[in-house]
Each structure stands twice: as C-alpha cells, then as structure tokens.
PDB file of N, CA and C in Angstrom:
ATOM      1  N   MET A   1     -49.790 113.156 -60.976  1.00  0.00           N
ATOM      2  CA  MET A   1     -50.291 114.603 -61.937  1.00  0.00           C
ATOM      3  C   MET A   1     -49.972 113.594 -63.414  1.00  0.00           C
ATOM      4  N   PRO A   2     -48.868 112.775 -63.685  1.00  0.00           N
ATOM      5  CA  PRO A   2     -48.941 112.237 -64.962  1.00  0.00           C
ATOM      6  C   PRO A   2     -50.163 111.743 -65.509  1.00  0.00           C
ATOM      7  N   SER A   3     -51.069 111.224 -64.543  1.00  0.00           N
ATOM      8  CA  SER A   3     -52.495 110.540 -65.258  1.00  0.00           C
ATOM      9  C   SER A   3     -53.254 112.163 -65.831  1.00  0.00           C
ATOM     10  N   ARG A   4     -53.124 112.857 -65.188  1.00  0.00           N
ATOM     11  CA  ARG A   4     -53.930 114.279 -65.632  1.00  0.00           C
ATOM     12  C   ARG A   4     -53.354 114.584 -67.132  1.00  0.00           C
ATOM     13  N   LYS A   5     -51.691 114.594 -67.207  1.00  0.00           N
ATOM     14  CA  LYS A   5     -51.454 114.693 -68.138  1.00  0.00           C
ATOM     15  C   LYS A   5     -51.642 114.156 -69.701  1.00  0.00           C
ATOM     16  N   ILE A   6     -51.413 112.735 -69.453  1.00  0.00           N
ATOM     17  CA  ILE A   6     -51.886 111.563 -70.382  1.00  0.00           C
ATOM     18  C   ILE A   6     -53.385 112.018 -70.632  1.00  0.00           C
ATOM     19  N   VAL A   7     -54.566 112.033 -69.931  1.00  0.00           N
ATOM     20  CA  VAL A   7     -55.390 112.386 -70.353  1.00  0.00           C
ATOM     21  C   VAL A   7     -55.734 113.744 -71.025  1.00  0.00           C
ATOM     22  N   ALA A   8     -55.356 114.856 -70.383  1.00  0.00           N
ATOM     23  CA  ALA A   8     -55.201 116.181 -71.234  1.00  0.00           C
ATOM     24  C   ALA A   8     -54.418 115.862 -72.657  1.00  0.00           C
ATOM     25  N   THR A   9     -53.492 114.932 -72.883  1.00  0.00           N
ATOM     26  CA  THR A   9     -53.218 114.996 -74.040  1.00  0.00           C
ATOM     27  C   THR A   9     -54.106 113.926 -74.918  1.00  0.00           C
ATOM     28  N   GLU A  10     -54.857 113.377 -75.076  1.00  0.00           N
ATOM     29  CA  GLU A  10     -55.655 112.345 -75.190  1.00  0.00           C
ATOM     30  C   GLU A  10     -57.039 113.477 -75.857  1.00  0.00           C
ATOM     31  N   LEU A  11     -57.568 113.981 -74.689  1.00  0.00           N
ATOM     32  CA  LEU A  11     -58.467 114.785 -74.906  1.00  0.00           C
ATOM     33  C   LEU A  11     -58.013 115.620 -75.981  1.00  0.00           C
ATOM     34  N   ALA A  12     -56.777 116.398 -76.079  1.00  0.00           N
ATOM     35  CA  ALA A  12     -56.414 117.430 -76.978  1.00  0.00           C
ATOM     36  C   ALA A  12     -56.637 116.966 -78.492  1.00  0.00           C
ATOM     37  N   ASN A  13     -56.193 115.559 -78.306  1.00  0.00           N
ATOM     38  CA  ASN A  13     -55.914 114.821 -79.551  1.00  0.00           C
ATOM     39  C   ASN A  13     -57.016 114.437 -80.228  1.00  0.00           C
ATOM     40  N   VAL A  14     -58.136 114.237 -79.509  1.00  0.00           N
ATOM     41  CA  VAL A  14     -59.557 113.954 -79.916  1.00  0.00           C
ATOM     42  C   VAL A  14     -59.860 115.316 -80.454  1.00  0.00           C
ATOM     43  N   LEU A  15     -60.066 116.359 -79.652  1.00  0.00           N
ATOM     44  CA  LEU A  15     -60.484 117.623 -79.977  1.00  0.00           C
ATOM     45  C   LEU A  15     -59.966 117.939 -81.434  1.00  0.00           C
ATOM     46  N   ARG A  16     -58.524 117.782 -81.659  1.00  0.00           N
ATOM     47  CA  ARG A  16     -57.689 118.485 -82.692  1.00  0.00           C
ATOM     48  C   ARG A  16     -58.202 117.744 -83.918  1.00  0.00           C
ATOM     49  N   GLN A  17     -58.544 116.170 -83.744  1.00  0.00           N
ATOM     50  CA  GLN A  17     -59.115 115.376 -84.922  1.00  0.00           C
ATOM     51  C   GLN A  17     -60.661 115.873 -85.559  1.00  0.00           C
ATOM     52  N   ILE A  18     -61.377 116.235 -84.358  1.00  0.00           N
ATOM     53  CA  ILE A  18     -62.650 116.598 -84.903  1.00  0.00           C
ATOM     54  C   ILE A  18     -62.935 118.118 -85.093  1.00  0.00           C
ATOM     55  N   SER A  19     -61.683 118.825 -84.887  1.00  0.00           N
ATOM     56  CA  SER A  19     -61.990 120.407 -85.209  1.00  0.00           C
ATOM     57  C   SER A  19     -62.100 120.648 -86.685  1.00  0.00           C
ATOM     58  N   HIS A  20     -63.109 120.048 -87.425  1.00  0.00           N
ATOM     59  CA  HIS A  20     -63.310 120.499 -89.152  1.00  0.00           C
ATOM     60  C   HIS A  20     -64.889 120.237 -88.998  1.00  0.00           C
ATOM     61  N   PRO A  21     -65.144 121.523 -89.654  1.00  0.00           N
ATOM     62  CA  PRO A  21     -66.471 121.781 -89.839  1.00  0.00           C
ATOM     63  C   PRO A  21     -67.063 120.103 -90.489  1.00  0.00           C
ATOM     64  N   ASP A  22     -66.604 119.845 -91.476  1.00  0.00           N
ATOM     65  CA  ASP A  22     -67.008 118.479 -91.944  1.00  0.00           C
ATOM     66  C   ASP A  22     -67.608 117.328 -91.131  1.00  0.00           C
ATOM     67  N   ARG A  23     -66.255 116.989 -90.417  1.00  0.00           N
ATOM     68  CA  ARG A  23     -66.326 115.884 -89.428  1.00  0.00           C
ATOM     69  C   ARG A  23     -67.179 116.275 -88.230  1.00  0.00           C
ATOM     70  N   ILE A  24     -67.437 117.658 -87.750  1.00  0.00           N
ATOM     71  CA  ILE A  24     -68.248 117.750 -86.414  1.00  0.00           C
ATOM     72  C   ILE A  24     -69.866 117.112 -87.425  1.00  0.00           C
ATOM     73  N   ARG A  25     -70.215 117.697 -88.369  1.00  0.00           N
ATOM     74  CA  ARG A  25     -71.250 117.604 -89.337  1.00  0.00           C
ATOM     75  C   ARG A  25     -71.712 116.413 -89.337  1.00  0.00           C
ATOM     76  N   LEU A  26     -70.477 115.138 -89.775  1.00  0.00           N
ATOM     77  CA  LEU A  26     -70.380 114.030 -89.989  1.00  0.00           C
ATOM     78  C   LEU A  26     -70.863 113.163 -88.660  1.00  0.00           C
ATOM     79  N   LEU A  27     -70.529 113.705 -87.784  1.00  0.00           N
ATOM     80  CA  LEU A  27     -70.684 112.899 -86.356  1.00  0.00           C
ATOM     81  C   LEU A  27     -72.098 113.260 -85.580  1.00  0.00           C
ATOM     82  N   LEU A  28     -72.634 114.594 -85.936  1.00  0.00           N
ATOM     83  CA  LEU A  28     -73.758 114.882 -85.646  1.00  0.00           C
ATOM     84  C   LEU A  28     -74.637 114.212 -86.731  1.00  0.00           C
ATOM     85  N   ARG A  29     -74.566 113.922 -87.729  1.00  0.00           N
ATOM     86  CA  ARG A  29     -75.341 113.092 -88.658  1.00  0.00           C
ATOM     87  C   ARG A  29     -75.616 111.908 -88.570  1.00  0.00           C
ATOM     88  N   LEU A  30     -74.699 111.232 -88.153  1.00  0.00           N
ATOM     89  CA  LEU A  30     -74.666 109.791 -87.650  1.00  0.00           C
ATOM     90  C   LEU A  30     -75.143 109.431 -86.282  1.00  0.00           C
ATOM     91  N   GLN A  31     -75.746 110.267 -85.858  1.00  0.00           N
ATOM     92  CA  GLN A  31     -76.559 110.059 -84.430  1.00  0.00           C
ATOM     93  C   GLN A  31     -77.759 109.642 -84.671  1.00  0.00           C
ATOM     94  N   SER A  32     -78.471 109.625 -86.276  1.00  0.00           N
ATOM     95  CA  SER A  32     -79.501 109.382 -86.864  1.00  0.00           C
ATOM     96  C   SER A  32     -79.261 107.584 -87.122  1.00  0.00           C
ATOM     97  N   GLY A  33     -78.222 107.296 -86.921  1.00  0.00           N
ATOM     98  CA  GLY A  33     -77.789 105.700 -87.088  1.00  0.00           C
ATOM     99  C   GLY A  33     -76.924 105.383 -88.222  1.00  0.00           C
ATOM    100  N   ALA A  34     -76.508 104.372 -88.553  1.00  0.00           N
ATOM    101  CA  ALA A  34     -75.465 103.796 -89.413  1.00  0.00           C
ATOM    102  C   ALA A  34     -75.782 104.101 -91.117  1.00  0.00           C
ATOM    103  N   GLN A  35     -74.995 104.654 -91.559  1.00  0.00           N
ATOM    104  CA  GLN A  35     -75.221 105.114 -93.137  1.00  0.00           C
ATOM    105  C   GLN A  35     -73.939 104.910 -93.751  1.00  0.00           C
ATOM    106  N   THR A  36     -73.998 104.872 -95.263  1.00  0.00           N
ATOM    107  CA  THR A  36     -73.092 105.017 -96.181  1.00  0.00           C
ATOM    108  C   THR A  36     -72.248 106.190 -96.391  1.00  0.00           C
ATOM    109  N   VAL A  37     -71.193 105.626 -97.123  1.00  0.00           N
ATOM    110  CA  VAL A  37     -70.577 107.253 -97.404  1.00  0.00           C
ATOM    111  C   VAL A  37     -71.272 107.974 -98.405  1.00  0.00           C
ATOM    112  N   ASN A  38     -72.270 107.367 -99.233  1.00  0.00           N
ATOM    113  CA  ASN A  38     -72.848 107.941-100.459  1.00  0.00           C
ATOM    114  C   ASN A  38     -74.171 108.430 -99.648  1.00  0.00           C
ATOM    115  N   ASP A  39     -74.807 108.138 -98.417  1.00  0.00           N
ATOM    116  CA  ASP A  39     -75.765 108.726 -97.658  1.00  0.00           C
ATOM    117  C   ASP A  39     -75.606 109.776 -97.080  1.00  0.00           C
ATOM    118  N   LEU A  40     -74.441 109.783 -96.543  1.00  0.00           N
ATOM    119  CA  LEU A  40     -73.766 110.842 -95.760  1.00  0.00           C
ATOM    120  C   LEU A  40     -73.297 112.229 -96.940  1.00  0.00           C
ATOM    121  N   ALA A  41     -72.765 111.750 -97.947  1.00  0.00           N
ATOM    122  CA  ALA A  41     -72.299 112.848 -99.162  1.00  0.00           C
ATOM    123  C   ALA A  41     -73.660 113.533 -99.445  1.00  0.00           C
ATOM    124  N   GLU A  42     -74.617 112.700 -99.602  1.00  0.00           N
ATOM    125  CA  GLU A  42     -75.686 113.363-100.393  1.00  0.00           C
ATOM    126  C   GLU A  42     -76.690 114.303 -99.296  1.00  0.00           C
ATOM    127  N   ALA A  43     -76.174 113.780 -98.069  1.00  0.00           N
ATOM    128  CA  ALA A  43     -77.304 114.462 -96.805  1.00  0.00           C
ATOM    129  C   ALA A  43     -76.906 115.827 -96.253  1.00  0.00           C
ATOM    130  N   LEU A  44     -75.046 115.800 -96.588  1.00  0.00           N
ATOM    131  CA  LEU A  44     -74.420 116.800 -96.156  1.00  0.00           C
ATOM    132  C   LEU A  44     -73.870 117.428 -97.360  1.00  0.00           C
ATOM    133  N   GLU A  45     -74.055 117.558 -98.373  1.00  0.00           N
ATOM    134  CA  GLU A  45     -73.842 117.763 -99.778  1.00  0.00           C
ATOM    135  C   GLU A  45     -72.331 118.140 -99.772  1.00  0.00           C
ATOM    136  N   ILE A  46     -71.671 117.043 -99.417  1.00  0.00           N
ATOM    137  CA  ILE A  46     -70.264 117.111 -99.443  1.00  0.00           C
ATOM    138  C   ILE A  46     -69.847 115.788-100.557  1.00  0.00           C
ATOM    139  N   PRO A  47     -68.589 115.974-101.310  1.00  0.00           N
ATOM    140  CA  PRO A  47     -68.422 115.044-102.003  1.00  0.00           C
ATOM    141  C   PRO A  47     -68.071 113.356-101.566  1.00  0.00           C
ATOM    142  N   PRO A  48     -68.290 112.455-101.910  1.00  0.00           N
ATOM    143  CA  PRO A  48     -68.134 110.986-101.398  1.00  0.00           C
ATOM    144  C   PRO A  48     -66.638 111.244-101.159  1.00  0.00           C
ATOM    145  N   THR A  49     -65.513 111.612-101.878  1.00  0.00           N
ATOM    146  CA  THR A  49     -64.140 110.989-101.472  1.00  0.00           C
ATOM    147  C   THR A  49     -63.634 111.889-100.336  1.00  0.00           C
ATOM    148  N   ARG A  50     -64.268 113.111 -99.946  1.00  0.00           N
ATOM    149  CA  ARG A  50     -64.328 113.929 -98.748  1.00  0.00           C
ATOM    150  C   ARG A  50     -64.874 113.154 -97.522  1.00  0.00           C
ATOM    151  N   VAL A  51     -65.980 112.730 -97.808  1.00  0.00           N
ATOM    152  CA  VAL A  51     -66.663 111.918 -96.919  1.00  0.00           C
ATOM    153  C   VAL A  51     -65.808 110.809 -96.267  1.00  0.00           C
ATOM    154  N   SER A  52     -65.529 110.134 -97.007  1.00  0.00           N
ATOM    155  CA  SER A  52     -64.641 109.025 -96.759  1.00  0.00           C
ATOM    156  C   SER A  52     -63.188 109.351 -96.594  1.00  0.00           C
ATOM    157  N   GLN A  53     -62.549 110.442 -96.698  1.00  0.00           N
ATOM    158  CA  GLN A  53     -61.363 111.016 -96.022  1.00  0.00           C
ATOM    159  C   GLN A  53     -61.418 111.333 -94.341  1.00  0.00           C
ATOM    160  N   HIS A  54     -62.595 112.040 -94.406  1.00  0.00           N
ATOM    161  CA  HIS A  54     -62.937 112.294 -92.905  1.00  0.00           C
ATOM    162  C   HIS A  54     -63.311 111.143 -92.124  1.00  0.00           C
ATOM    163  N   LEU A  55     -63.954 110.291 -92.704  1.00  0.00           N
ATOM    164  CA  LEU A  55     -64.144 109.432 -91.585  1.00  0.00           C
ATOM    165  C   LEU A  55     -63.373 108.269 -91.434  1.00  0.00           C
ATOM    166  N   SER A  56     -62.127 108.348 -92.460  1.00  0.00           N
ATOM    167  CA  SER A  56     -60.938 107.740 -92.341  1.00  0.00           C
ATOM    168  C   SER A  56     -60.138 108.463 -90.601  1.00  0.00           C
ATOM    169  N   VAL A  57     -60.159 109.447 -90.675  1.00  0.00           N
ATOM    170  CA  VAL A  57     -59.506 110.082 -89.462  1.00  0.00           C
ATOM    171  C   VAL A  57     -60.265 109.788 -88.067  1.00  0.00           C
ATOM    172  N   LEU A  58     -61.880 109.813 -88.485  1.00  0.00           N
ATOM    173  CA  LEU A  58     -62.792 109.503 -87.044  1.00  0.00           C
ATOM    174  C   LEU A  58     -62.262 108.077 -87.062  1.00  0.00           C
ATOM    175  N   ARG A  59     -62.261 107.325 -87.602  1.00  0.00           N
ATOM    176  CA  ARG A  59     -61.787 105.905 -87.328  1.00  0.00           C
ATOM    177  C   ARG A  59     -60.887 105.594 -86.833  1.00  0.00           C
ATOM    178  N   ALA A  60     -59.644 106.557 -87.152  1.00  0.00           N
ATOM    179  CA  ALA A  60     -58.270 106.350 -86.448  1.00  0.00           C
ATOM    180  C   ALA A  60     -58.517 106.534 -84.931  1.00  0.00           C
ATOM    181  N   ILE A  61     -59.408 107.183 -84.738  1.00  0.00           N
ATOM    182  CA  ILE A  61     -59.619 107.724 -83.104  1.00  0.00           C
ATOM    183  C   ILE A  61     -60.342 106.974 -82.852  1.00  0.00           C
ATOM    184  N   ALA A  62     -61.129 105.971 -83.144  1.00  0.00           N
ATOM    185  CA  ALA A  62     -62.069 105.159 -82.638  1.00  0.00           C
ATOM    186  C   ALA A  62     -63.567 105.950 -82.442  1.00  0.00           C
ATOM    187  N   LEU A  63     -63.848 106.981 -83.245  1.00  0.00           N
ATOM    188  CA  LEU A  63     -65.004 107.990 -83.042  1.00  0.00           C
ATOM    189  C   LEU A  63     -66.404 107.163 -83.866  1.00  0.00           C
ATOM    190  N   VAL A  64     -65.463 106.571 -84.772  1.00  0.00           N
ATOM    191  CA  VAL A  64     -66.608 105.850 -85.825  1.00  0.00           C
ATOM    192  C   VAL A  64     -66.043 104.425 -86.301  1.00  0.00           C
ATOM    193  N   GLU A  65     -67.454 103.576 -86.192  1.00  0.00           N
ATOM    194  CA  GLU A  65     -67.142 102.204 -86.645  1.00  0.00           C
ATOM    195  C   GLU A  65     -67.526 102.003 -87.842  1.00  0.00           C
ATOM    196  N   THR A  66     -66.827 100.623 -88.550  1.00  0.00           N
ATOM    197  CA  THR A  66     -67.583 100.418 -89.677  1.00  0.00           C
ATOM    198  C   THR A  66     -68.001  98.931 -89.982  1.00  0.00           C
ATOM    199  N   GLU A  67     -68.958  98.641 -90.416  1.00  0.00           N
ATOM    200  CA  GLU A  67     -69.472  97.260 -90.669  1.00  0.00           C
ATOM    201  C   GLU A  67     -70.007  97.144 -92.123  1.00  0.00           C
ATOM    202  N   SER A  68     -69.694  95.911 -92.697  1.00  0.00           N
ATOM    203  CA  SER A  68     -70.140  95.584 -94.140  1.00  0.00           C
ATOM    204  C   SER A  68     -71.149  95.282 -94.040  1.00  0.00           C
ATOM    205  N   GLN A  69     -72.244  95.437 -94.994  1.00  0.00           N
ATOM    206  CA  GLN A  69     -73.480  94.994 -95.060  1.00  0.00           C
ATOM    207  C   GLN A  69     -73.653  94.230 -96.705  1.00  0.00           C
ATOM    208  N   GLY A  70     -73.216  93.305 -97.190  1.00  0.00           N
ATOM    209  CA  GLY A  70     -73.157  93.090 -98.427  1.00  0.00           C
ATOM    210  C   GLY A  70     -71.751  93.865 -99.051  1.00  0.00           C
ATOM    211  N   GLN A  71     -72.198  94.438-100.006  1.00  0.00           N
ATOM    212  CA  GLN A  71     -70.816  95.162-100.453  1.00  0.00           C
ATOM    213  C   GLN A  71     -70.995  96.750-100.160  1.00  0.00           C
ATOM    214  N   LYS A  72     -71.881  97.052 -99.296  1.00  0.00           N
ATOM    215  CA  LYS A  72     -71.815  98.276 -98.626  1.00  0.00           C
ATOM    216  C   LYS A  72     -70.819  98.407 -97.488  1.00  0.00           C
ATOM    217  N   ARG A  73     -70.510  99.452 -97.299  1.00  0.00           N
ATOM    218  CA  ARG A  73     -69.876  99.556 -95.710  1.00  0.00           C
ATOM    219  C   ARG A  73     -70.594 100.436 -95.223  1.00  0.00           C
ATOM    220  N   VAL A  74     -71.119 100.477 -93.995  1.00  0.00           N
ATOM    221  CA  VAL A  74     -72.005 101.670 -93.121  1.00  0.00           C
ATOM    222  C   VAL A  74     -71.135 102.020 -92.075  1.00  0.00           C
ATOM    223  N   TYR A  75     -71.270 103.181 -91.431  1.00  0.00           N
ATOM    224  CA  TYR A  75     -70.503 103.732 -90.343  1.00  0.00           C
ATOM    225  C   TYR A  75     -71.644 104.336 -89.653  1.00  0.00           C
ATOM    226  N   SER A  76     -71.122 104.042 -88.243  1.00  0.00           N
ATOM    227  CA  SER A  76     -71.918 104.569 -87.138  1.00  0.00           C
ATOM    228  C   SER A  76     -71.050 105.015 -86.265  1.00  0.00           C
ATOM    229  N   LEU A  77     -71.607 105.876 -85.106  1.00  0.00           N
ATOM    230  CA  LEU A  77     -70.819 106.163 -83.825  1.00  0.00           C
ATOM    231  C   LEU A  77     -70.360 105.443 -82.871  1.00  0.00           C
ATOM    232  N   SER A  78     -69.445 105.295 -82.563  1.00  0.00           N
ATOM    233  CA  SER A  78     -68.871 104.050 -81.609  1.00  0.00           C
ATOM    234  C   SER A  78     -69.544 104.622 -79.945  1.00  0.00           C
ATOM    235  N   GLN A  79     -69.720 105.942 -80.163  1.00  0.00           N
ATOM    236  CA  GLN A  79     -70.239 106.288 -78.703  1.00  0.00           C
ATOM    237  C   GLN A  79     -71.241 107.058 -79.160  1.00  0.00           C
ATOM    238  N   PRO A  80     -72.433 106.912 -79.336  1.00  0.00           N
ATOM    239  CA  PRO A  80     -73.581 107.841 -79.660  1.00  0.00           C
ATOM    240  C   PRO A  80     -73.519 109.166 -78.942  1.00  0.00           C
ATOM    241  N   GLU A  81     -73.273 109.386 -77.365  1.00  0.00           N
ATOM    242  CA  GLU A  81     -73.463 110.220 -76.770  1.00  0.00           C
ATOM    243  C   GLU A  81     -72.651 111.183 -76.992  1.00  0.00           C
ATOM    244  N   LEU A  82     -71.429 111.090 -77.807  1.00  0.00           N
ATOM    245  CA  LEU A  82     -70.419 112.183 -78.686  1.00  0.00           C
ATOM    246  C   LEU A  82     -71.543 113.139 -79.219  1.00  0.00           C
ATOM    247  N   ALA A  83     -72.666 112.684 -80.231  1.00  0.00           N
ATOM    248  CA  ALA A  83     -73.468 113.834 -80.807  1.00  0.00           C
ATOM    249  C   ALA A  83     -74.002 114.721 -79.714  1.00  0.00           C
ATOM    250  N   LEU A  84     -74.287 114.091 -78.712  1.00  0.00           N
ATOM    251  CA  LEU A  84     -75.324 114.936 -77.900  1.00  0.00           C
ATOM    252  C   LEU A  84     -74.225 115.684 -76.844  1.00  0.00           C
ATOM    253  N   TRP A  85     -73.204 115.736 -76.694  1.00  0.00           N
ATOM    254  CA  TRP A  85     -72.013 116.161 -76.206  1.00  0.00           C
ATOM    255  C   TRP A  85     -71.620 117.642 -77.113  1.00  0.00           C
ATOM    256  N   LEU A  86     -71.476 117.429 -78.583  1.00  0.00           N
ATOM    257  CA  LEU A  86     -71.268 118.498 -79.543  1.00  0.00           C
ATOM    258  C   LEU A  86     -72.577 119.261 -79.554  1.00  0.00           C
ATOM    259  N   ILE A  87     -73.716 119.038 -79.229  1.00  0.00           N
ATOM    260  CA  ILE A  87     -75.233 119.673 -79.208  1.00  0.00           C
ATOM    261  C   ILE A  87     -74.931 120.635 -77.861  1.00  0.00           C
ATOM    262  N   ASP A  88     -74.579 119.969 -76.616  1.00  0.00           N
ATOM    263  CA  ASP A  88     -74.464 120.609 -75.733  1.00  0.00           C
ATOM    264  C   ASP A  88     -73.290 121.870 -75.919  1.00  0.00           C
ATOM    265  N   GLY A  89     -72.348 121.579 -76.656  1.00  0.00           N
ATOM    266  CA  GLY A  89     -71.163 122.376 -76.709  1.00  0.00           C
ATOM    267  C   GLY A  89     -71.420 123.428 -77.448  1.00  0.00           C
ATOM    268  N   ILE A  90     -72.805 123.673 -78.179  1.00  0.00           N
ATOM    269  CA  ILE A  90     -73.167 125.006 -78.865  1.00  0.00           C
ATOM    270  C   ILE A  90     -73.452 125.936 -77.922  1.00  0.00           C
ATOM    271  N   ASP A  91     -73.868 125.438 -76.831  1.00  0.00           N
ATOM    272  CA  ASP A  91     -74.063 126.734 -75.840  1.00  0.00           C
ATOM    273  C   ASP A  91     -72.984 127.468 -75.407  1.00  0.00           C
ATOM    274  N   PHE A  92     -71.828 126.489 -75.402  1.00  0.00           N
ATOM    275  CA  PHE A  92     -70.652 127.120 -74.838  1.00  0.00           C
ATOM    276  C   PHE A  92     -69.819 127.914 -75.686  1.00  0.00           C
ATOM    277  N   ILE A  93     -70.554 127.646 -77.082  1.00  0.00           N
ATOM    278  CA  ILE A  93     -69.765 128.735 -78.356  1.00  0.00           C
ATOM    279  C   ILE A  93     -70.626 129.712 -78.647  1.00  0.00           C
ATOM    280  N   ALA A  94     -71.930 129.787 -78.141  1.00  0.00           N
ATOM    281  CA  ALA A  94     -72.749 130.752 -78.670  1.00  0.00           C
ATOM    282  C   ALA A  94     -72.349 131.743 -78.952  1.00  0.00           C
ATOM    283  N   HIS A  95     -71.659 132.698 -77.528  1.00  0.00           N
ATOM    284  CA  HIS A  95     -71.197 134.008 -77.840  1.00  0.00           C
ATOM    285  C   HIS A  95     -70.396 134.289 -78.709  1.00  0.00           C
ATOM    286  N   ARG A  96     -69.674 133.214 -79.260  1.00  0.00           N
ATOM    287  CA  ARG A  96     -68.430 133.622 -80.317  1.00  0.00           C
ATOM    288  C   ARG A  96     -68.893 133.504 -81.817  1.00  0.00           C
ATOM    289  N   LEU A  97     -70.295 132.971 -81.879  1.00  0.00           N
ATOM    290  CA  LEU A  97     -70.511 132.809 -83.242  1.00  0.00           C
ATOM    291  C   LEU A  97     -71.282 134.148 -83.797  1.00  0.00           C
ATOM    292  N   GLY A  98     -70.545 135.144 -84.074  1.00  0.00           N
ATOM    293  CA  GLY A  98     -70.647 136.357 -84.408  1.00  0.00           C
ATOM    294  C   GLY A  98     -71.606 136.553 -85.793  1.00  0.00           C
ATOM    295  N   ARG A  99     -71.166 135.270 -86.967  1.00  0.00           N
ATOM    296  CA  ARG A  99     -71.881 135.558 -88.121  1.00  0.00           C
ATOM    297  C   ARG A  99     -73.204 134.829 -88.212  1.00  0.00           C
ATOM    298  N   ALA A 100     -73.491 134.142 -86.910  1.00  0.00           N
ATOM    299  CA  ALA A 100     -74.673 133.447 -86.682  1.00  0.00           C
ATOM    300  C   ALA A 100     -75.653 134.098 -86.023  1.00  0.00           C
ATOM    301  N   SER A 101     -76.798 134.289 -85.960  1.00  0.00           N
ATOM    302  CA  SER A 101     -77.986 134.984 -85.168  1.00  0.00           C
ATOM    303  C   SER A 101     -78.309 134.237 -84.260  1.00  0.00           C
ATOM    304  N   ALA A 102     -78.417 134.544 -83.114  1.00  0.00           N
ATOM    305  CA  ALA A 102     -79.044 133.537 -81.922  1.00  0.00           C
ATOM    306  C   ALA A 102     -80.182 132.566 -82.663  1.00  0.00           C
ATOM    307  N   LYS A 103     -81.113 132.965 -83.406  1.00  0.00           N
ATOM    308  CA  LYS A 103     -82.090 132.368 -83.925  1.00  0.00           C
ATOM    309  C   LYS A 103     -81.588 131.261 -84.913  1.00  0.00           C
ATOM    310  N   ASP A 104     -80.650 131.490 -85.744  1.00  0.00           N
ATOM    311  CA  ASP A 104     -79.917 130.746 -86.254  1.00  0.00           C
ATOM    312  C   ASP A 104     -79.131 129.465 -85.598  1.00  0.00           C
ATOM    313  N   ILE A 105     -78.287 129.696 -84.438  1.00  0.00           N
ATOM    314  CA  ILE A 105     -77.906 128.982 -83.605  1.00  0.00           C
ATOM    315  C   ILE A 105     -79.052 128.088 -82.761  1.00  0.00           C
ATOM    316  N   GLU A 106     -79.942 128.748 -82.335  1.00  0.00           N
ATOM    317  CA  GLU A 106     -81.095 127.974 -81.853  1.00  0.00           C
ATOM    318  C   GLU A 106     -81.836 126.838 -82.786  1.00  0.00           C
ATOM    319  N   HIS A 107     -81.857 127.202 -83.819  1.00  0.00           N
ATOM    320  CA  HIS A 107     -82.615 126.312 -85.194  1.00  0.00           C
ATOM    321  C   HIS A 107     -81.689 125.503 -85.523  1.00  0.00           C
ATOM    322  N   ALA A 108     -80.293 125.491 -85.649  1.00  0.00           N
ATOM    323  CA  ALA A 108     -79.459 124.109 -85.968  1.00  0.00           C
ATOM    324  C   ALA A 108     -79.393 123.366 -84.318  1.00  0.00           C
ATOM    325  N   LYS A 109     -79.097 123.691 -83.345  1.00  0.00           N
ATOM    326  CA  LYS A 109     -79.330 123.052 -82.326  1.00  0.00           C
ATOM    327  C   LYS A 109     -80.713 122.100 -82.368  1.00  0.00           C
ATOM    328  N   ASP A 110     -81.990 122.899 -82.426  1.00  0.00           N
ATOM    329  CA  ASP A 110     -83.263 122.271 -82.324  1.00  0.00           C
ATOM    330  C   ASP A 110     -83.191 120.992 -83.371  1.00  0.00           C
ATOM    331  N   LEU A 111     -82.773 121.487 -84.514  1.00  0.00           N
ATOM    332  CA  LEU A 111     -82.606 120.209 -85.395  1.00  0.00           C
ATOM    333  C   LEU A 111     -81.785 119.072 -85.182  1.00  0.00           C
ATOM    334  N   TRP A 112     -80.607 119.373 -84.857  1.00  0.00           N
ATOM    335  CA  TRP A 112     -79.743 118.287 -84.232  1.00  0.00           C
ATOM    336  C   TRP A 112     -80.426 117.354 -83.209  1.00  0.00           C
ATOM    337  N   GLN A 113     -81.038 117.927 -82.115  1.00  0.00           N
ATOM    338  CA  GLN A 113     -81.766 117.379 -81.211  1.00  0.00           C
ATOM    339  C   GLN A 113     -82.690 116.747 -81.394  1.00  0.00           C
ATOM    340  N   GLN A 114     -83.641 117.051 -82.467  1.00  0.00           N
ATOM    341  CA  GLN A 114     -84.429 116.361 -82.983  1.00  0.00           C
ATOM    342  C   GLN A 114     -84.150 115.203 -83.503  1.00  0.00           C
ATOM    343  N   GLU A 115     -82.737 115.054 -84.285  1.00  0.00           N
ATOM    344  CA  GLU A 115     -82.573 113.816 -85.041  1.00  0.00           C
ATOM    345  C   GLU A 115     -81.855 113.112 -83.673  1.00  0.00           C
ATOM    346  N   ALA A 116     -81.341 113.498 -82.540  1.00  0.00           N
ATOM    347  CA  ALA A 116     -80.963 112.783 -81.645  1.00  0.00           C
ATOM    348  C   ALA A 116     -82.132 112.233 -80.815  1.00  0.00           C
ATOM    349  N   SER A 117     -83.305 112.767 -80.996  1.00  0.00           N
ATOM    350  CA  SER A 117     -84.513 111.927 -79.683  1.00  0.00           C
ATOM    351  C   SER A 117     -85.113 110.941 -80.739  1.00  0.00           C
ATOM    352  N   THR A 118     -84.342 110.869 -82.053  1.00  0.00           N
ATOM    353  CA  THR A 118     -85.260 110.085 -82.967  1.00  0.00           C
ATOM    354  C   THR A 118     -84.565 108.573 -82.796  1.00  0.00           C
ATOM    355  N   THR A 119     -83.374 108.503 -82.249  1.00  0.00           N
ATOM    356  CA  THR A 119     -82.547 107.473 -82.055  1.00  0.00           C
ATOM    357  C   THR A 119     -82.461 107.043 -80.817  1.00  0.00           C
ATOM    358  N   THR A 120     -82.543 105.890 -80.434  1.00  0.00           N
ATOM    359  CA  THR A 120     -82.060 105.520 -79.071  1.00  0.00           C
ATOM    360  C   THR A 120     -80.559 105.339 -79.090  1.00  0.00           C
ATOM    361  N   ILE A 121     -80.339 105.934 -77.893  1.00  0.00           N
ATOM    362  CA  ILE A 121     -78.841 106.234 -77.237  1.00  0.00           C
ATOM    363  C   ILE A 121     -78.688 105.239 -76.048  1.00  0.00           C
TER     364      ILE A 121
END
C-alpha cells in the first residue's frame, strides 16, 4: 500500500501545480513546439512576467524544459503526451462546463487537437 500512497501524493502534487487556466493553456500551446516567453505571451495574450512565473512552476515539477538558444531561452514540454492527456480530459469535464456550450467545448478541443497533429510526438 505505501507505493500507492506515494504515487497518489505525487499525482495530486502535479495536478495541483497545473490547476491554473493559464498553466493549462501554456502546456497546450507548447505542444506545437519550443517557444520563448514572448512567443507564449503574445499567443496567449498573457503578460510575459506572468508567463515566466507560470513556466517556473511547471519547470519545478519537470513538466517543462528550457534550452538556451543564443540570448533566448526556449521552453518545451518534457513529455509532449501531457498535452494529449489534457485534451482527452475535456471529455471527462465537459458535463461540468455550464458556461460553455457543447459547440464551444468541441471547437476548443478541435483546435488543440489540430495543433497536436501538426507536431511529432
């Protein structure tokens, strides 16, 4: 039983760390490949300082990696399949999304799936 407790604790920690809408959007955006803070900020319409803060949290739990390319730092998913797992999770929570119509939910899911299909995982 101790192994299940350890695994459950670690899973809960990861879920707690990604449980912010901006972080989920960052993870889904990174499925299309490595990007800089400014690229992410522009694409998601989030201030760069906030993007950096969220990326710091995601790096701390090893969901995001960073690489220096000259003066720039680029960020990528450590495990690209995480984005697909999040997209699959939409089906699980769809009935709870009272503010979003079924059409909106499907549209968001389709867009993220299209981005996922343009990358090699």
